[in-house]
Amino acid sequence: MDPEAERNARESLDLAFHMSNILVTGLDRHTLSILVALSERGFNPEALAAVVKELRREPPSSAAPPPSSRPKP
């Protein structure tokens, strides 16, 4: 990527990240850059938003079971 295109891409991402923060989306810069790249490659933005919402609904996985299911010593 030439320097001018790289600068434009960085400025565009900065602007999108600023708007994301104003809208309180909770997206970090890396996640937002991935979503923008997928959108630019033709993925449906509404479908991407639905995936993000669904992933946020899933409980985080962890290596240890929840405290209530651990055997008592």
N, C-alpha and C. Protein backbone atom coordinates (compact mmCIF):
# COMPACT_ATOMS: atom_id res chain seq x y z
N MET A 1 0.86 -1.17 0.00
CA MET A 1 0.00 0.00 0.00
C MET A 1 0.90 1.23 0.00
N ASP A 2 0.59 2.18 -0.87
CA ASP A 2 1.41 3.38 -0.91
C ASP A 2 1.14 4.25 0.32
N PRO A 3 2.07 5.12 0.66
CA PRO A 3 1.94 5.93 1.88
C PRO A 3 0.66 6.76 1.94
N GLU A 4 0.25 7.31 0.81
CA GLU A 4 -0.97 8.13 0.79
C GLU A 4 -2.20 7.27 1.08
N ALA A 5 -2.29 6.11 0.48
CA ALA A 5 -3.42 5.21 0.72
C ALA A 5 -3.42 4.72 2.17
N GLU A 6 -2.23 4.46 2.69
CA GLU A 6 -2.13 4.02 4.09
C GLU A 6 -2.60 5.11 5.04
N ARG A 7 -2.21 6.35 4.76
CA ARG A 7 -2.64 7.48 5.59
C ARG A 7 -4.15 7.65 5.52
N ASN A 8 -4.72 7.55 4.32
CA ASN A 8 -6.18 7.66 4.17
C ASN A 8 -6.91 6.55 4.91
N ALA A 9 -6.38 5.34 4.84
CA ALA A 9 -7.00 4.21 5.53
C ALA A 9 -6.96 4.43 7.04
N ARG A 10 -5.82 4.91 7.55
CA ARG A 10 -5.68 5.15 8.99
C ARG A 10 -6.63 6.26 9.45
N GLU A 11 -6.74 7.34 8.65
CA GLU A 11 -7.64 8.43 8.99
C GLU A 11 -9.10 7.97 8.97
N SER A 12 -9.45 7.13 8.00
CA SER A 12 -10.81 6.61 7.92
C SER A 12 -11.14 5.74 9.13
N LEU A 13 -10.19 4.90 9.52
CA LEU A 13 -10.41 4.06 10.70
C LEU A 13 -10.49 4.92 11.95
N ASP A 14 -9.67 5.95 12.06
CA ASP A 14 -9.74 6.85 13.21
C ASP A 14 -11.12 7.50 13.31
N LEU A 15 -11.63 7.94 12.17
CA LEU A 15 -12.95 8.57 12.15
C LEU A 15 -14.04 7.56 12.52
N ALA A 16 -13.97 6.36 11.96
CA ALA A 16 -14.96 5.32 12.29
C ALA A 16 -14.88 4.97 13.77
N PHE A 17 -13.67 4.89 14.32
CA PHE A 17 -13.52 4.56 15.74
C PHE A 17 -14.08 5.68 16.61
N HIS A 18 -13.86 6.92 16.21
CA HIS A 18 -14.42 8.06 16.95
C HIS A 18 -15.95 8.00 16.95
N MET A 19 -16.54 7.73 15.79
CA MET A 19 -18.00 7.62 15.70
C MET A 19 -18.49 6.44 16.53
N SER A 20 -17.75 5.34 16.51
CA SER A 20 -18.11 4.16 17.29
C SER A 20 -18.14 4.49 18.78
N ASN A 21 -17.16 5.29 19.23
CA ASN A 21 -17.13 5.69 20.64
C ASN A 21 -18.28 6.62 20.99
N ILE A 22 -18.61 7.54 20.09
CA ILE A 22 -19.74 8.44 20.33
C ILE A 22 -21.03 7.64 20.47
N LEU A 23 -21.16 6.60 19.64
CA LEU A 23 -22.37 5.77 19.67
C LEU A 23 -22.32 4.70 20.75
N VAL A 24 -21.23 4.65 21.50
CA VAL A 24 -21.04 3.72 22.61
C VAL A 24 -21.29 2.28 22.15
N THR A 25 -20.59 1.88 21.08
CA THR A 25 -20.75 0.52 20.56
C THR A 25 -19.97 -0.50 21.37
N GLY A 26 -18.92 -0.06 22.06
CA GLY A 26 -18.11 -0.98 22.81
C GLY A 26 -17.10 -1.74 21.96
N LEU A 27 -16.98 -1.35 20.70
CA LEU A 27 -16.02 -2.02 19.81
C LEU A 27 -14.64 -1.41 19.99
N ASP A 28 -13.63 -2.27 20.07
CA ASP A 28 -12.27 -1.76 20.12
C ASP A 28 -11.81 -1.49 18.68
N ARG A 29 -10.68 -0.81 18.57
CA ARG A 29 -10.19 -0.40 17.24
C ARG A 29 -9.90 -1.61 16.34
N HIS A 30 -9.34 -2.67 16.91
CA HIS A 30 -9.01 -3.86 16.11
C HIS A 30 -10.28 -4.53 15.57
N THR A 31 -11.27 -4.72 16.44
CA THR A 31 -12.53 -5.34 16.00
C THR A 31 -13.20 -4.49 14.94
N LEU A 32 -13.21 -3.19 15.17
CA LEU A 32 -13.83 -2.29 14.19
C LEU A 32 -13.12 -2.37 12.85
N SER A 33 -11.79 -2.46 12.87
CA SER A 33 -11.06 -2.54 11.60
C SER A 33 -11.39 -3.83 10.85
N ILE A 34 -11.58 -4.91 11.58
CA ILE A 34 -11.97 -6.18 10.94
C ILE A 34 -13.36 -6.05 10.33
N LEU A 35 -14.29 -5.47 11.07
CA LEU A 35 -15.65 -5.31 10.56
C LEU A 35 -15.69 -4.40 9.32
N VAL A 36 -14.90 -3.34 9.34
CA VAL A 36 -14.84 -2.45 8.19
C VAL A 36 -14.26 -3.19 6.98
N ALA A 37 -13.20 -3.95 7.21
CA ALA A 37 -12.57 -4.70 6.11
C ALA A 37 -13.55 -5.72 5.52
N LEU A 38 -14.30 -6.42 6.38
CA LEU A 38 -15.28 -7.39 5.88
C LEU A 38 -16.38 -6.69 5.09
N SER A 39 -16.80 -5.54 5.58
CA SER A 39 -17.83 -4.77 4.88
C SER A 39 -17.32 -4.31 3.51
N GLU A 40 -16.07 -3.86 3.46
CA GLU A 40 -15.49 -3.42 2.19
C GLU A 40 -15.35 -4.57 1.20
N ARG A 41 -15.26 -5.79 1.70
CA ARG A 41 -15.13 -6.97 0.83
C ARG A 41 -16.49 -7.56 0.45
N GLY A 42 -17.56 -6.84 0.81
CA GLY A 42 -18.88 -7.24 0.34
C GLY A 42 -19.77 -7.93 1.34
N PHE A 43 -19.28 -8.13 2.58
CA PHE A 43 -20.15 -8.74 3.59
C PHE A 43 -21.25 -7.77 3.96
N ASN A 44 -22.42 -8.29 4.21
CA ASN A 44 -23.57 -7.47 4.56
C ASN A 44 -23.35 -6.85 5.95
N PRO A 45 -23.35 -5.52 6.06
CA PRO A 45 -23.12 -4.87 7.36
C PRO A 45 -24.17 -5.25 8.41
N GLU A 46 -25.42 -5.44 7.98
CA GLU A 46 -26.46 -5.84 8.94
C GLU A 46 -26.20 -7.24 9.47
N ALA A 47 -25.72 -8.12 8.61
CA ALA A 47 -25.38 -9.48 9.05
C ALA A 47 -24.19 -9.43 10.01
N LEU A 48 -23.20 -8.59 9.72
CA LEU A 48 -22.07 -8.46 10.63
C LEU A 48 -22.52 -7.93 11.99
N ALA A 49 -23.42 -6.96 11.99
CA ALA A 49 -23.94 -6.43 13.26
C ALA A 49 -24.69 -7.52 14.03
N ALA A 50 -25.44 -8.35 13.33
CA ALA A 50 -26.16 -9.44 14.00
C ALA A 50 -25.19 -10.44 14.62
N VAL A 51 -24.09 -10.72 13.94
CA VAL A 51 -23.08 -11.63 14.49
C VAL A 51 -22.46 -11.04 15.74
N VAL A 52 -22.12 -9.75 15.70
CA VAL A 52 -21.53 -9.10 16.87
C VAL A 52 -22.50 -9.17 18.05
N LYS A 53 -23.77 -8.88 17.81
CA LYS A 53 -24.77 -8.94 18.89
C LYS A 53 -24.88 -10.34 19.45
N GLU A 54 -24.88 -11.33 18.59
CA GLU A 54 -24.99 -12.72 19.04
C GLU A 54 -23.78 -13.13 19.86
N LEU A 55 -22.60 -12.75 19.41
CA LEU A 55 -21.39 -13.09 20.15
C LEU A 55 -21.37 -12.43 21.52
N ARG A 56 -21.93 -11.26 21.63
CA ARG A 56 -21.98 -10.57 22.93
C ARG A 56 -22.96 -11.25 23.89
N ARG A 57 -23.94 -11.94 23.35
CA ARG A 57 -24.92 -12.63 24.20
C ARG A 57 -24.36 -13.90 24.81
N GLU A 58 -23.40 -14.51 24.12
CA GLU A 58 -22.83 -15.77 24.60
C GLU A 58 -21.98 -15.51 25.84
N PRO A 59 -22.13 -16.36 26.86
CA PRO A 59 -21.30 -16.18 28.05
C PRO A 59 -19.84 -16.48 27.70
N PRO A 60 -18.91 -15.76 28.31
CA PRO A 60 -17.50 -16.02 28.01
C PRO A 60 -17.11 -17.41 28.50
N SER A 61 -16.33 -18.10 27.69
CA SER A 61 -15.88 -19.42 28.10
C SER A 61 -14.66 -19.25 29.00
N SER A 62 -14.53 -20.17 29.94
CA SER A 62 -13.38 -20.12 30.83
C SER A 62 -12.88 -21.53 31.06
N ALA A 63 -11.66 -21.65 31.51
CA ALA A 63 -11.06 -22.96 31.75
C ALA A 63 -11.64 -23.61 32.99
N ALA A 64 -11.98 -22.81 33.98
CA ALA A 64 -12.50 -23.35 35.24
C ALA A 64 -14.03 -23.33 35.23
N PRO A 65 -14.67 -24.36 35.78
CA PRO A 65 -16.13 -24.34 35.86
C PRO A 65 -16.59 -23.27 36.84
N PRO A 66 -17.85 -22.85 36.74
CA PRO A 66 -18.37 -21.84 37.66
C PRO A 66 -18.26 -22.34 39.10
N PRO A 67 -18.12 -21.41 40.06
CA PRO A 67 -17.94 -21.80 41.46
C PRO A 67 -19.02 -22.74 41.98
N SER A 68 -20.26 -22.57 41.53
CA SER A 68 -21.35 -23.40 42.05
C SER A 68 -21.24 -24.85 41.60
N SER A 69 -20.50 -25.14 40.54
CA SER A 69 -20.42 -26.52 40.06
C SER A 69 -19.11 -27.19 40.45
N ARG A 70 -18.24 -26.48 41.15
CA ARG A 70 -16.99 -27.11 41.60
C ARG A 70 -17.28 -28.01 42.80
N PRO A 71 -16.59 -29.15 42.86
CA PRO A 71 -16.78 -30.02 44.03
C PRO A 71 -16.24 -29.35 45.29
N LYS A 72 -16.93 -29.59 46.41
CA LYS A 72 -16.51 -29.01 47.67
C LYS A 72 -15.40 -29.85 48.28
N PRO A 73 -14.39 -29.20 48.88
CA PRO A 73 -13.26 -29.95 49.47
C PRO A 73 -13.64 -30.68 50.72
